[in-house]
């Protein structure tokens, strides 16, 4: 039996299936569970975890007793809820893309980032 499961815009890093449920690790730092993959009904997605996915984590700010704000080499800023262990909001630090990717990598603070240091 074949079934199409839309995993969004990210690429798969790892995949496992058990009892008709699909567990997928994505390159964008998410781990998602897709229920009822082998059954005829609609597949339900449940994002179990979202995180930074490239290079290093560079910033951490305690916002209040239930929230921390992080930023990293992946050009994202994330607001995490410390009680639910989930990302409540995700944004980009900069919309600009490096014009010369090879040159941008030579001037980054981290050798693992594809973005320049000002991003």
PDB file of N, CA and C in Angstrom:
ATOM      1  N   UNK A   1       0.829  -1.171   0.000  1.00  0.00           N
ATOM      2  CA  UNK A   1       0.000   0.000   0.000  1.00  0.00           C
ATOM      3  C   UNK A   1       0.881   1.245   0.000  1.00  0.00           C
ATOM      4  N   UNK A   2       0.613   2.177  -0.895  1.00  0.00           N
ATOM      5  CA  UNK A   2       1.345   3.432  -0.961  1.00  0.00           C
ATOM      6  C   UNK A   2       0.502   4.551  -0.382  1.00  0.00           C
ATOM      7  N   UNK A   3       1.169   5.471   0.303  1.00  0.00           N
ATOM      8  CA  UNK A   3       0.480   6.630   0.844  1.00  0.00           C
ATOM      9  C   UNK A   3       1.443   7.803   0.839  1.00  0.00           C
ATOM     10  N   UNK A   4       0.980   8.961   0.388  1.00  0.00           N
ATOM     11  CA  UNK A   4       1.786  10.179   0.343  1.00  0.00           C
ATOM     12  C   UNK A   4       1.619  10.922   1.662  1.00  0.00           C
ATOM     13  N   UNK A   5       2.750  11.318   2.278  1.00  0.00           N
ATOM     14  CA  UNK A   5       2.728  12.109   3.504  1.00  0.00           C
ATOM     15  C   UNK A   5       3.513  13.379   3.231  1.00  0.00           C
ATOM     16  N   UNK A   6       2.856  14.526   3.331  1.00  0.00           N
ATOM     17  CA  UNK A   6       3.505  15.817   3.091  1.00  0.00           C
ATOM     18  C   UNK A   6       4.309  16.205   4.323  1.00  0.00           C
ATOM     19  N   UNK A   7       5.627  16.284   4.177  1.00  0.00           N
ATOM     20  CA  UNK A   7       6.515  16.617   5.284  1.00  0.00           C
ATOM     21  C   UNK A   7       6.906  18.086   5.282  1.00  0.00           C
ATOM     22  N   UNK A   8       6.263  18.900   4.478  1.00  0.00           N
ATOM     23  CA  UNK A   8       6.572  20.323   4.423  1.00  0.00           C
ATOM     24  C   UNK A   8       7.787  20.595   3.558  1.00  0.00           C
ATOM     25  N   UNK A   9       8.463  21.690   3.853  1.00  0.00           N
ATOM     26  CA  UNK A   9       9.568  22.137   3.005  1.00  0.00           C
ATOM     27  C   UNK A   9      10.932  21.600   3.433  1.00  0.00           C
ATOM     28  N   UNK A  10      11.006  20.836   4.487  1.00  0.00           N
ATOM     29  CA  UNK A  10      12.286  20.357   4.972  1.00  0.00           C
ATOM     30  C   UNK A  10      12.610  18.967   4.427  1.00  0.00           C
ATOM     31  N   UNK A  11      13.881  18.585   4.558  1.00  0.00           N
ATOM     32  CA  UNK A  11      14.341  17.274   4.127  1.00  0.00           C
ATOM     33  C   UNK A  11      14.379  16.312   5.304  1.00  0.00           C
ATOM     34  N   UNK A  12      14.219  15.033   5.017  1.00  0.00           N
ATOM     35  CA  UNK A  12      14.218  13.999   6.047  1.00  0.00           C
ATOM     36  C   UNK A  12      15.651  13.627   6.406  1.00  0.00           C
ATOM     37  N   UNK A  13      15.936  13.576   7.699  1.00  0.00           N
ATOM     38  CA  UNK A  13      17.233  13.095   8.195  1.00  0.00           C
ATOM     39  C   UNK A  13      17.117  11.661   8.698  1.00  0.00           C
ATOM     40  N   UNK A  14      15.999  11.342   9.337  1.00  0.00           N
ATOM     41  CA  UNK A  14      15.794   9.986   9.832  1.00  0.00           C
ATOM     42  C   UNK A  14      14.298   9.681   9.818  1.00  0.00           C
ATOM     43  N   UNK A  15      14.003   8.389   9.761  1.00  0.00           N
ATOM     44  CA  UNK A  15      12.607   7.981   9.664  1.00  0.00           C
ATOM     45  C   UNK A  15      12.438   6.606  10.312  1.00  0.00           C
ATOM     46  N   UNK A  16      11.305   6.419  10.959  1.00  0.00           N
ATOM     47  CA  UNK A  16      10.983   5.132  11.569  1.00  0.00           C
ATOM     48  C   UNK A  16       9.470   4.970  11.550  1.00  0.00           C
ATOM     49  N   UNK A  17       9.005   3.733  11.460  1.00  0.00           N
ATOM     50  CA  UNK A  17       7.576   3.464  11.478  1.00  0.00           C
ATOM     51  C   UNK A  17       7.296   2.339  12.457  1.00  0.00           C
ATOM     52  N   UNK A  18       6.247   2.525  13.270  1.00  0.00           N
ATOM     53  CA  UNK A  18       5.855   1.522  14.251  1.00  0.00           C
ATOM     54  C   UNK A  18       4.350   1.621  14.469  1.00  0.00           C
ATOM     55  N   UNK A  19       3.682   0.501  14.353  1.00  0.00           N
ATOM     56  CA  UNK A  19       2.237   0.427  14.582  1.00  0.00           C
ATOM     57  C   UNK A  19       1.449   1.438  13.746  1.00  0.00           C
ATOM     58  N   UNK A  20       1.875   1.671  12.527  1.00  0.00           N
ATOM     59  CA  UNK A  20       1.162   2.582  11.631  1.00  0.00           C
ATOM     60  C   UNK A  20       1.470   4.051  11.847  1.00  0.00           C
ATOM     61  N   UNK A  21       2.367   4.356  12.784  1.00  0.00           N
ATOM     62  CA  UNK A  21       2.765   5.739  13.041  1.00  0.00           C
ATOM     63  C   UNK A  21       4.179   5.966  12.516  1.00  0.00           C
ATOM     64  N   UNK A  22       4.393   7.117  11.915  1.00  0.00           N
ATOM     65  CA  UNK A  22       5.665   7.473  11.310  1.00  0.00           C
ATOM     66  C   UNK A  22       6.339   8.522  12.185  1.00  0.00           C
ATOM     67  N   UNK A  23       7.592   8.299  12.555  1.00  0.00           N
ATOM     68  CA  UNK A  23       8.381   9.262  13.314  1.00  0.00           C
ATOM     69  C   UNK A  23       9.480   9.755  12.382  1.00  0.00           C
ATOM     70  N   UNK A  24       9.545  11.077  12.187  1.00  0.00           N
ATOM     71  CA  UNK A  24      10.456  11.654  11.203  1.00  0.00           C
ATOM     72  C   UNK A  24      11.294  12.748  11.837  1.00  0.00           C
ATOM     73  N   UNK A  25      12.613  12.651  11.681  1.00  0.00           N
ATOM     74  CA  UNK A  25      13.535  13.712  12.065  1.00  0.00           C
ATOM     75  C   UNK A  25      13.847  14.519  10.823  1.00  0.00           C
ATOM     76  N   UNK A  26      13.586  15.821  10.856  1.00  0.00           N
ATOM     77  CA  UNK A  26      13.761  16.680   9.684  1.00  0.00           C
ATOM     78  C   UNK A  26      15.008  17.541   9.808  1.00  0.00           C
ATOM     79  N   UNK A  27      15.547  17.946   8.668  1.00  0.00           N
ATOM     80  CA  UNK A  27      16.760  18.743   8.646  1.00  0.00           C
ATOM     81  C   UNK A  27      16.562  20.128   9.268  1.00  0.00           C
ATOM     82  N   UNK A  28      15.318  20.599   9.371  1.00  0.00           N
ATOM     83  CA  UNK A  28      15.065  21.915   9.959  1.00  0.00           C
ATOM     84  C   UNK A  28      15.035  21.880  11.484  1.00  0.00           C
ATOM     85  N   UNK A  29      15.428  20.767  12.094  1.00  0.00           N
ATOM     86  CA  UNK A  29      15.499  20.662  13.544  1.00  0.00           C
ATOM     87  C   UNK A  29      14.232  20.156  14.202  1.00  0.00           C
ATOM     88  N   UNK A  30      13.246  19.756  13.426  1.00  0.00           N
ATOM     89  CA  UNK A  30      11.982  19.273  13.978  1.00  0.00           C
ATOM     90  C   UNK A  30      11.940  17.752  14.024  1.00  0.00           C
ATOM     91  N   UNK A  31      11.222  17.238  15.001  1.00  0.00           N
ATOM     92  CA  UNK A  31      10.877  15.821  15.055  1.00  0.00           C
ATOM     93  C   UNK A  31       9.360  15.761  15.041  1.00  0.00           C
ATOM     94  N   UNK A  32       8.807  15.079  14.045  1.00  0.00           N
ATOM     95  CA  UNK A  32       7.358  15.028  13.869  1.00  0.00           C
ATOM     96  C   UNK A  32       6.866  13.588  13.897  1.00  0.00           C
ATOM     97  N   UNK A  33       5.668  13.423  14.424  1.00  0.00           N
ATOM     98  CA  UNK A  33       4.999  12.129  14.424  1.00  0.00           C
ATOM     99  C   UNK A  33       3.769  12.245  13.528  1.00  0.00           C
ATOM    100  N   UNK A  34       3.615  11.274  12.656  1.00  0.00           N
ATOM    101  CA  UNK A  34       2.459  11.222  11.755  1.00  0.00           C
ATOM    102  C   UNK A  34       1.683   9.967  12.104  1.00  0.00           C
ATOM    103  N   UNK A  35       0.473  10.172  12.622  1.00  0.00           N
ATOM    104  CA  UNK A  35      -0.350   9.045  13.065  1.00  0.00           C
ATOM    105  C   UNK A  35      -1.194   8.500  11.921  1.00  0.00           C
ATOM    106  N   UNK A  36      -1.503   7.222  12.000  1.00  0.00           N
ATOM    107  CA  UNK A  36      -2.406   6.551  11.055  1.00  0.00           C
ATOM    108  C   UNK A  36      -1.888   6.561   9.617  1.00  0.00           C
ATOM    109  N   UNK A  37      -0.597   6.452   9.440  1.00  0.00           N
ATOM    110  CA  UNK A  37      -0.011   6.498   8.106  1.00  0.00           C
ATOM    111  C   UNK A  37      -0.480   5.319   7.247  1.00  0.00           C
ATOM    112  N   UNK A  38      -0.596   4.147   7.824  1.00  0.00           N
ATOM    113  CA  UNK A  38      -0.958   2.965   7.053  1.00  0.00           C
ATOM    114  C   UNK A  38      -2.462   2.745   6.954  1.00  0.00           C
ATOM    115  N   UNK A  39      -3.239   3.515   7.681  1.00  0.00           N
ATOM    116  CA  UNK A  39      -4.684   3.362   7.639  1.00  0.00           C
ATOM    117  C   UNK A  39      -5.272   4.238   6.540  1.00  0.00           C
ATOM    118  N   UNK A  40      -6.505   4.003   6.217  1.00  0.00           N
ATOM    119  CA  UNK A  40      -7.153   4.747   5.146  1.00  0.00           C
ATOM    120  C   UNK A  40      -7.557   6.157   5.509  1.00  0.00           C
ATOM    121  N   UNK A  41      -7.536   6.486   6.810  1.00  0.00           N
ATOM    122  CA  UNK A  41      -7.977   7.811   7.218  1.00  0.00           C
ATOM    123  C   UNK A  41      -6.874   8.847   7.044  1.00  0.00           C
ATOM    124  N   UNK A  42      -7.218  10.102   7.254  1.00  0.00           N
ATOM    125  CA  UNK A  42      -6.282  11.203   7.074  1.00  0.00           C
ATOM    126  C   UNK A  42      -5.142  11.117   8.082  1.00  0.00           C
ATOM    127  N   UNK A  43      -3.931  11.389   7.623  1.00  0.00           N
ATOM    128  CA  UNK A  43      -2.748  11.367   8.480  1.00  0.00           C
ATOM    129  C   UNK A  43      -2.733  12.607   9.363  1.00  0.00           C
ATOM    130  N   UNK A  44      -2.497  12.424  10.657  1.00  0.00           N
ATOM    131  CA  UNK A  44      -2.442  13.529  11.612  1.00  0.00           C
ATOM    132  C   UNK A  44      -0.983  13.806  11.975  1.00  0.00           C
ATOM    133  N   UNK A  45      -0.566  15.079  11.848  1.00  0.00           N
ATOM    134  CA  UNK A  45       0.806  15.462  12.192  1.00  0.00           C
ATOM    135  C   UNK A  45       0.850  16.023  13.604  1.00  0.00           C
ATOM    136  N   UNK A  46       1.887  15.635  14.340  1.00  0.00           N
ATOM    137  CA  UNK A  46       2.119  16.152  15.672  1.00  0.00           C
ATOM    138  C   UNK A  46       3.601  16.498  15.779  1.00  0.00           C
ATOM    139  N   UNK A  47       3.929  17.781  15.883  1.00  0.00           N
ATOM    140  CA  UNK A  47       5.319  18.186  16.036  1.00  0.00           C
ATOM    141  C   UNK A  47       5.722  17.964  17.487  1.00  0.00           C
ATOM    142  N   UNK A  48       6.657  17.045  17.691  1.00  0.00           N
ATOM    143  CA  UNK A  48       7.099  16.703  19.041  1.00  0.00           C
ATOM    144  C   UNK A  48       8.178  17.644  19.551  1.00  0.00           C
ATOM    145  N   UNK A  49       9.009  18.161  18.622  1.00  0.00           N
ATOM    146  CA  UNK A  49      10.135  18.991  19.024  1.00  0.00           C
ATOM    147  C   UNK A  49      10.541  19.897  17.880  1.00  0.00           C
ATOM    148  N   UNK A  50      10.884  21.139  18.196  1.00  0.00           N
ATOM    149  CA  UNK A  50      11.496  22.055  17.243  1.00  0.00           C
ATOM    150  C   UNK A  50      12.739  22.613  17.902  1.00  0.00           C
ATOM    151  N   UNK A  51      13.795  22.802  17.115  1.00  0.00           N
ATOM    152  CA  UNK A  51      15.030  23.303  17.698  1.00  0.00           C
ATOM    153  C   UNK A  51      15.850  24.020  16.639  1.00  0.00           C
ATOM    154  N   UNK A  52      16.944  24.603  17.073  1.00  0.00           N
ATOM    155  CA  UNK A  52      17.908  25.149  16.116  1.00  0.00           C
ATOM    156  C   UNK A  52      18.570  23.966  15.419  1.00  0.00           C
ATOM    157  N   UNK A  53      19.017  24.169  14.185  1.00  0.00           N
ATOM    158  CA  UNK A  53      19.463  23.018  13.416  1.00  0.00           C
ATOM    159  C   UNK A  53      20.797  23.179  12.726  1.00  0.00           C
ATOM    160  N   UNK A  54      21.431  24.321  12.817  1.00  0.00           N
ATOM    161  CA  UNK A  54      22.701  24.498  12.114  1.00  0.00           C
ATOM    162  C   UNK A  54      23.695  25.221  13.013  1.00  0.00           C
ATOM    163  N   UNK A  55      24.905  24.724  13.044  1.00  0.00           N
ATOM    164  CA  UNK A  55      25.965  25.420  13.763  1.00  0.00           C
ATOM    165  C   UNK A  55      25.752  25.467  15.261  1.00  0.00           C
ATOM    166  N   UNK A  56      25.962  26.646  15.810  1.00  0.00           N
ATOM    167  CA  UNK A  56      25.961  26.813  17.258  1.00  0.00           C
ATOM    168  C   UNK A  56      24.812  27.696  17.726  1.00  0.00           C
ATOM    169  N   UNK A  57      24.478  27.565  18.995  1.00  0.00           N
ATOM    170  CA  UNK A  57      23.516  28.445  19.645  1.00  0.00           C
ATOM    171  C   UNK A  57      24.307  29.613  20.221  1.00  0.00           C
ATOM    172  N   UNK A  58      23.941  30.851  19.845  1.00  0.00           N
ATOM    173  CA  UNK A  58      24.725  32.017  20.240  1.00  0.00           C
ATOM    174  C   UNK A  58      24.059  32.889  21.294  1.00  0.00           C
ATOM    175  N   UNK A  59      22.773  32.815  21.432  1.00  0.00           N
ATOM    176  CA  UNK A  59      22.114  33.690  22.385  1.00  0.00           C
ATOM    177  C   UNK A  59      21.080  32.955  23.216  1.00  0.00           C
ATOM    178  N   UNK A  60      20.995  33.304  24.486  1.00  0.00           N
ATOM    179  CA  UNK A  60      19.998  32.737  25.388  1.00  0.00           C
ATOM    180  C   UNK A  60      19.608  33.829  26.371  1.00  0.00           C
ATOM    181  N   UNK A  61      18.328  34.144  26.412  1.00  0.00           N
ATOM    182  CA  UNK A  61      17.816  35.177  27.308  1.00  0.00           C
ATOM    183  C   UNK A  61      16.622  34.624  28.068  1.00  0.00           C
ATOM    184  N   UNK A  62      16.646  34.748  29.378  1.00  0.00           N
ATOM    185  CA  UNK A  62      15.498  34.346  30.183  1.00  0.00           C
ATOM    186  C   UNK A  62      14.506  35.505  30.138  1.00  0.00           C
ATOM    187  N   UNK A  63      13.334  35.274  29.553  1.00  0.00           N
ATOM    188  CA  UNK A  63      12.320  36.313  29.402  1.00  0.00           C
ATOM    189  C   UNK A  63      11.503  36.439  30.685  1.00  0.00           C
ATOM    190  N   UNK A  64      11.023  35.321  31.176  1.00  0.00           N
ATOM    191  CA  UNK A  64      10.315  35.257  32.454  1.00  0.00           C
ATOM    192  C   UNK A  64      10.457  33.836  32.975  1.00  0.00           C
ATOM    193  N   UNK A  65       9.755  33.485  34.025  1.00  0.00           N
ATOM    194  CA  UNK A  65       9.956  32.163  34.620  1.00  0.00           C
ATOM    195  C   UNK A  65       9.517  31.016  33.729  1.00  0.00           C
ATOM    196  N   UNK A  66       8.753  31.293  32.663  1.00  0.00           N
ATOM    197  CA  UNK A  66       8.270  30.227  31.778  1.00  0.00           C
ATOM    198  C   UNK A  66       8.781  30.323  30.347  1.00  0.00           C
ATOM    199  N   UNK A  67       9.632  31.318  30.030  1.00  0.00           N
ATOM    200  CA  UNK A  67      10.056  31.503  28.640  1.00  0.00           C
ATOM    201  C   UNK A  67      11.533  31.863  28.537  1.00  0.00           C
ATOM    202  N   UNK A  68      12.192  31.286  27.526  1.00  0.00           N
ATOM    203  CA  UNK A  68      13.550  31.678  27.163  1.00  0.00           C
ATOM    204  C   UNK A  68      13.575  31.971  25.661  1.00  0.00           C
ATOM    205  N   UNK A  69      14.427  32.906  25.283  1.00  0.00           N
ATOM    206  CA  UNK A  69      14.590  33.312  23.896  1.00  0.00           C
ATOM    207  C   UNK A  69      15.979  32.878  23.458  1.00  0.00           C
ATOM    208  N   UNK A  70      16.087  32.218  22.297  1.00  0.00           N
ATOM    209  CA  UNK A  70      17.378  31.747  21.802  1.00  0.00           C
ATOM    210  C   UNK A  70      17.605  32.218  20.373  1.00  0.00           C
ATOM    211  N   UNK A  71      18.870  32.318  19.984  1.00  0.00           N
ATOM    212  CA  UNK A  71      19.226  32.593  18.586  1.00  0.00           C
ATOM    213  C   UNK A  71      20.482  31.797  18.266  1.00  0.00           C
ATOM    214  N   UNK A  72      20.650  31.474  16.978  1.00  0.00           N
ATOM    215  CA  UNK A  72      21.788  30.651  16.608  1.00  0.00           C
ATOM    216  C   UNK A  72      22.232  30.855  15.178  1.00  0.00           C
ATOM    217  N   UNK A  73      23.178  30.033  14.772  1.00  0.00           N
ATOM    218  CA  UNK A  73      23.744  30.100  13.426  1.00  0.00           C
ATOM    219  C   UNK A  73      22.729  29.809  12.323  1.00  0.00           C
ATOM    220  N   UNK A  74      21.592  29.272  12.663  1.00  0.00           N
ATOM    221  CA  UNK A  74      20.582  28.947  11.649  1.00  0.00           C
ATOM    222  C   UNK A  74      19.743  30.164  11.261  1.00  0.00           C
ATOM    223  N   UNK A  75      20.120  31.371  11.732  1.00  0.00           N
ATOM    224  CA  UNK A  75      19.445  32.618  11.384  1.00  0.00           C
ATOM    225  C   UNK A  75      18.030  32.684  11.968  1.00  0.00           C
ATOM    226  N   UNK A  76      17.781  31.915  13.032  1.00  0.00           N
ATOM    227  CA  UNK A  76      16.451  31.917  13.638  1.00  0.00           C
ATOM    228  C   UNK A  76      16.507  32.396  15.081  1.00  0.00           C
ATOM    229  N   UNK A  77      15.432  33.006  15.511  1.00  0.00           N
ATOM    230  CA  UNK A  77      15.228  33.375  16.896  1.00  0.00           C
ATOM    231  C   UNK A  77      13.987  32.612  17.350  1.00  0.00           C
ATOM    232  N   UNK A  78      14.077  31.968  18.520  1.00  0.00           N
ATOM    233  CA  UNK A  78      12.994  31.096  18.969  1.00  0.00           C
ATOM    234  C   UNK A  78      12.626  31.404  20.413  1.00  0.00           C
ATOM    235  N   UNK A  79      11.318  31.453  20.670  1.00  0.00           N
ATOM    236  CA  UNK A  79      10.798  31.630  22.015  1.00  0.00           C
ATOM    237  C   UNK A  79      10.302  30.274  22.500  1.00  0.00           C
ATOM    238  N   UNK A  80      10.955  29.748  23.529  1.00  0.00           N
ATOM    239  CA  UNK A  80      10.603  28.435  24.068  1.00  0.00           C
ATOM    240  C   UNK A  80       9.832  28.585  25.373  1.00  0.00           C
ATOM    241  N   UNK A  81       8.842  27.727  25.560  1.00  0.00           N
ATOM    242  CA  UNK A  81       8.115  27.632  26.812  1.00  0.00           C
ATOM    243  C   UNK A  81       8.806  26.563  27.645  1.00  0.00           C
ATOM    244  N   UNK A  82       9.298  26.924  28.816  1.00  0.00           N
ATOM    245  CA  UNK A  82      10.050  25.983  29.643  1.00  0.00           C
ATOM    246  C   UNK A  82       9.157  24.959  30.336  1.00  0.00           C
ATOM    247  N   UNK A  83       7.857  25.220  30.418  1.00  0.00           N
ATOM    248  CA  UNK A  83       6.938  24.251  31.015  1.00  0.00           C
ATOM    249  C   UNK A  83       6.543  23.167  30.024  1.00  0.00           C
ATOM    250  N   UNK A  84       6.216  23.582  28.786  1.00  0.00           N
ATOM    251  CA  UNK A  84       5.761  22.621  27.773  1.00  0.00           C
ATOM    252  C   UNK A  84       6.905  22.072  26.932  1.00  0.00           C
ATOM    253  N   UNK A  85       8.073  22.704  27.024  1.00  0.00           N
ATOM    254  CA  UNK A  85       9.255  22.314  26.243  1.00  0.00           C
ATOM    255  C   UNK A  85       8.986  22.431  24.740  1.00  0.00           C
ATOM    256  N   UNK A  86       8.170  23.405  24.342  1.00  0.00           N
ATOM    257  CA  UNK A  86       7.830  23.627  22.942  1.00  0.00           C
ATOM    258  C   UNK A  86       8.226  25.039  22.528  1.00  0.00           C
ATOM    259  N   UNK A  87       8.545  25.193  21.238  1.00  0.00           N
ATOM    260  CA  UNK A  87       8.798  26.517  20.682  1.00  0.00           C
ATOM    261  C   UNK A  87       7.444  27.176  20.419  1.00  0.00           C
ATOM    262  N   UNK A  88       7.208  28.328  21.038  1.00  0.00           N
ATOM    263  CA  UNK A  88       5.941  29.028  20.856  1.00  0.00           C
ATOM    264  C   UNK A  88       5.977  29.949  19.646  1.00  0.00           C
ATOM    265  N   UNK A  89       7.147  30.521  19.371  1.00  0.00           N
ATOM    266  CA  UNK A  89       7.302  31.408  18.208  1.00  0.00           C
ATOM    267  C   UNK A  89       8.682  31.215  17.611  1.00  0.00           C
ATOM    268  N   UNK A  90       8.729  31.325  16.279  1.00  0.00           N
ATOM    269  CA  UNK A  90       9.993  31.202  15.553  1.00  0.00           C
ATOM    270  C   UNK A  90      10.041  32.320  14.523  1.00  0.00           C
ATOM    271  N   UNK A  91      11.162  33.018  14.461  1.00  0.00           N
ATOM    272  CA  UNK A  91      11.329  34.087  13.472  1.00  0.00           C
ATOM    273  C   UNK A  91      12.725  34.074  12.898  1.00  0.00           C
ATOM    274  N   UNK A  92      12.919  34.865  11.855  1.00  0.00           N
ATOM    275  CA  UNK A  92      14.238  34.999  11.234  1.00  0.00           C
ATOM    276  C   UNK A  92      14.901  36.268  11.729  1.00  0.00           C
ATOM    277  N   UNK A  93      16.206  36.212  11.907  1.00  0.00           N
ATOM    278  CA  UNK A  93      16.959  37.379  12.325  1.00  0.00           C
ATOM    279  C   UNK A  93      17.117  38.336  11.147  1.00  0.00           C
ATOM    280  N   UNK A  94      17.371  37.801   9.971  1.00  0.00           N
ATOM    281  CA  UNK A  94      17.539  38.620   8.774  1.00  0.00           C
ATOM    282  C   UNK A  94      16.968  37.878   7.570  1.00  0.00           C
ATOM    283  N   UNK A  95      16.330  38.606   6.677  1.00  0.00           N
ATOM    284  CA  UNK A  95      15.779  38.016   5.456  1.00  0.00           C
ATOM    285  C   UNK A  95      16.803  37.978   4.326  1.00  0.00           C
ATOM    286  N   UNK A  96      17.925  38.725   4.493  1.00  0.00           N
ATOM    287  CA  UNK A  96      18.928  38.785   3.435  1.00  0.00           C
ATOM    288  C   UNK A  96      19.658  37.457   3.303  1.00  0.00           C
ATOM    289  N   UNK A  97      19.876  37.028   2.072  1.00  0.00           N
ATOM    290  CA  UNK A  97      20.656  35.826   1.795  1.00  0.00           C
ATOM    291  C   UNK A  97      22.068  36.248   1.404  1.00  0.00           C
ATOM    292  N   UNK A  98      23.084  35.489   1.797  1.00  0.00           N
ATOM    293  CA  UNK A  98      24.447  35.818   1.390  1.00  0.00           C
ATOM    294  C   UNK A  98      24.575  35.768  -0.127  1.00  0.00           C
ATOM    295  N   UNK A  99      25.180  36.828  -0.712  1.00  0.00           N
ATOM    296  CA  UNK A  99      25.371  36.855  -2.163  1.00  0.00           C
ATOM    297  C   UNK A  99      26.437  35.854  -2.580  1.00  0.00           C
ATOM    298  N   UNK A 100      27.516  35.812  -1.834  1.00  0.00           N
ATOM    299  CA  UNK A 100      28.607  34.899  -2.118  1.00  0.00           C
ATOM    300  C   UNK A 100      28.752  33.971  -0.919  1.00  0.00           C
ATOM    301  N   UNK A 101      28.170  32.792  -1.025  1.00  0.00           N
ATOM    302  CA  UNK A 101      28.128  31.861   0.104  1.00  0.00           C
ATOM    303  C   UNK A 101      29.521  31.475   0.579  1.00  0.00           C
ATOM    304  N   UNK A 102      30.452  31.235  -0.342  1.00  0.00           N
ATOM    305  CA  UNK A 102      31.812  30.844   0.044  1.00  0.00           C
ATOM    306  C   UNK A 102      32.487  31.951   0.850  1.00  0.00           C
ATOM    307  N   UNK A 103      32.332  33.195   0.409  1.00  0.00           N
ATOM    308  CA  UNK A 103      32.937  34.328   1.124  1.00  0.00           C
ATOM    309  C   UNK A 103      32.252  34.531   2.474  1.00  0.00           C
ATOM    310  N   UNK A 104      30.937  34.396   2.520  1.00  0.00           N
ATOM    311  CA  UNK A 104      30.200  34.579   3.776  1.00  0.00           C
ATOM    312  C   UNK A 104      30.677  33.594   4.829  1.00  0.00           C
ATOM    313  N   UNK A 105      30.980  32.376   4.433  1.00  0.00           N
ATOM    314  CA  UNK A 105      31.429  31.371   5.387  1.00  0.00           C
ATOM    315  C   UNK A 105      32.801  31.712   5.975  1.00  0.00           C
ATOM    316  N   UNK A 106      33.618  32.448   5.249  1.00  0.00           N
ATOM    317  CA  UNK A 106      34.959  32.767   5.747  1.00  0.00           C
ATOM    318  C   UNK A 106      34.934  33.906   6.763  1.00  0.00           C
ATOM    319  N   UNK A 107      33.826  34.647   6.845  1.00  0.00           N
ATOM    320  CA  UNK A 107      33.776  35.778   7.766  1.00  0.00           C
ATOM    321  C   UNK A 107      32.772  35.560   8.896  1.00  0.00           C
ATOM    322  N   UNK A 108      32.335  34.344   9.100  1.00  0.00           N
ATOM    323  CA  UNK A 108      31.372  34.084  10.168  1.00  0.00           C
ATOM    324  C   UNK A 108      32.076  33.889  11.497  1.00  0.00           C
ATOM    325  N   UNK A 109      31.350  34.109  12.563  1.00  0.00           N
ATOM    326  CA  UNK A 109      31.893  33.873  13.890  1.00  0.00           C
ATOM    327  C   UNK A 109      32.071  32.379  14.135  1.00  0.00           C
ATOM    328  N   UNK A 110      31.216  31.591  13.515  1.00  0.00           N
ATOM    329  CA  UNK A 110      31.285  30.136  13.649  1.00  0.00           C
ATOM    330  C   UNK A 110      31.612  29.532  12.293  1.00  0.00           C
ATOM    331  N   UNK A 111      32.471  28.565  12.255  1.00  0.00           N
ATOM    332  CA  UNK A 111      32.817  27.922  10.987  1.00  0.00           C
ATOM    333  C   UNK A 111      31.711  27.006  10.497  1.00  0.00           C
ATOM    334  N   UNK A 112      30.659  26.809  11.312  1.00  0.00           N
ATOM    335  CA  UNK A 112      29.597  25.883  10.948  1.00  0.00           C
ATOM    336  C   UNK A 112      28.397  26.566  10.300  1.00  0.00           C
ATOM    337  N   UNK A 113      28.376  27.889  10.225  1.00  0.00           N
ATOM    338  CA  UNK A 113      27.225  28.625   9.727  1.00  0.00           C
ATOM    339  C   UNK A 113      27.354  28.941   8.243  1.00  0.00           C
ATOM    340  N   UNK A 114      26.218  29.021   7.554  1.00  0.00           N
ATOM    341  CA  UNK A 114      26.223  29.460   6.169  1.00  0.00           C
ATOM    342  C   UNK A 114      25.884  30.943   6.079  1.00  0.00           C
ATOM    343  N   UNK A 115      25.592  31.597   7.211  1.00  0.00           N
ATOM    344  CA  UNK A 115      25.241  32.999   7.238  1.00  0.00           C
ATOM    345  C   UNK A 115      26.406  33.826   7.742  1.00  0.00           C
ATOM    346  N   UNK A 116      26.537  35.088   7.280  1.00  0.00           N
ATOM    347  CA  UNK A 116      27.577  35.955   7.796  1.00  0.00           C
ATOM    348  C   UNK A 116      27.346  36.278   9.268  1.00  0.00           C
ATOM    349  N   UNK A 117      28.382  36.787   9.937  1.00  0.00           N
ATOM    350  CA  UNK A 117      28.312  37.028  11.381  1.00  0.00           C
ATOM    351  C   UNK A 117      27.219  38.014  11.762  1.00  0.00           C
ATOM    352  N   UNK A 118      26.869  38.965  10.876  1.00  0.00           N
ATOM    353  CA  UNK A 118      25.829  39.948  11.227  1.00  0.00           C
ATOM    354  C   UNK A 118      24.428  39.366  11.110  1.00  0.00           C
ATOM    355  N   UNK A 119      24.274  38.132  10.710  1.00  0.00           N
ATOM    356  CA  UNK A 119      22.982  37.485  10.667  1.00  0.00           C
ATOM    357  C   UNK A 119      22.882  36.464  11.767  1.00  0.00           C
TER     358      UNK A 119
END
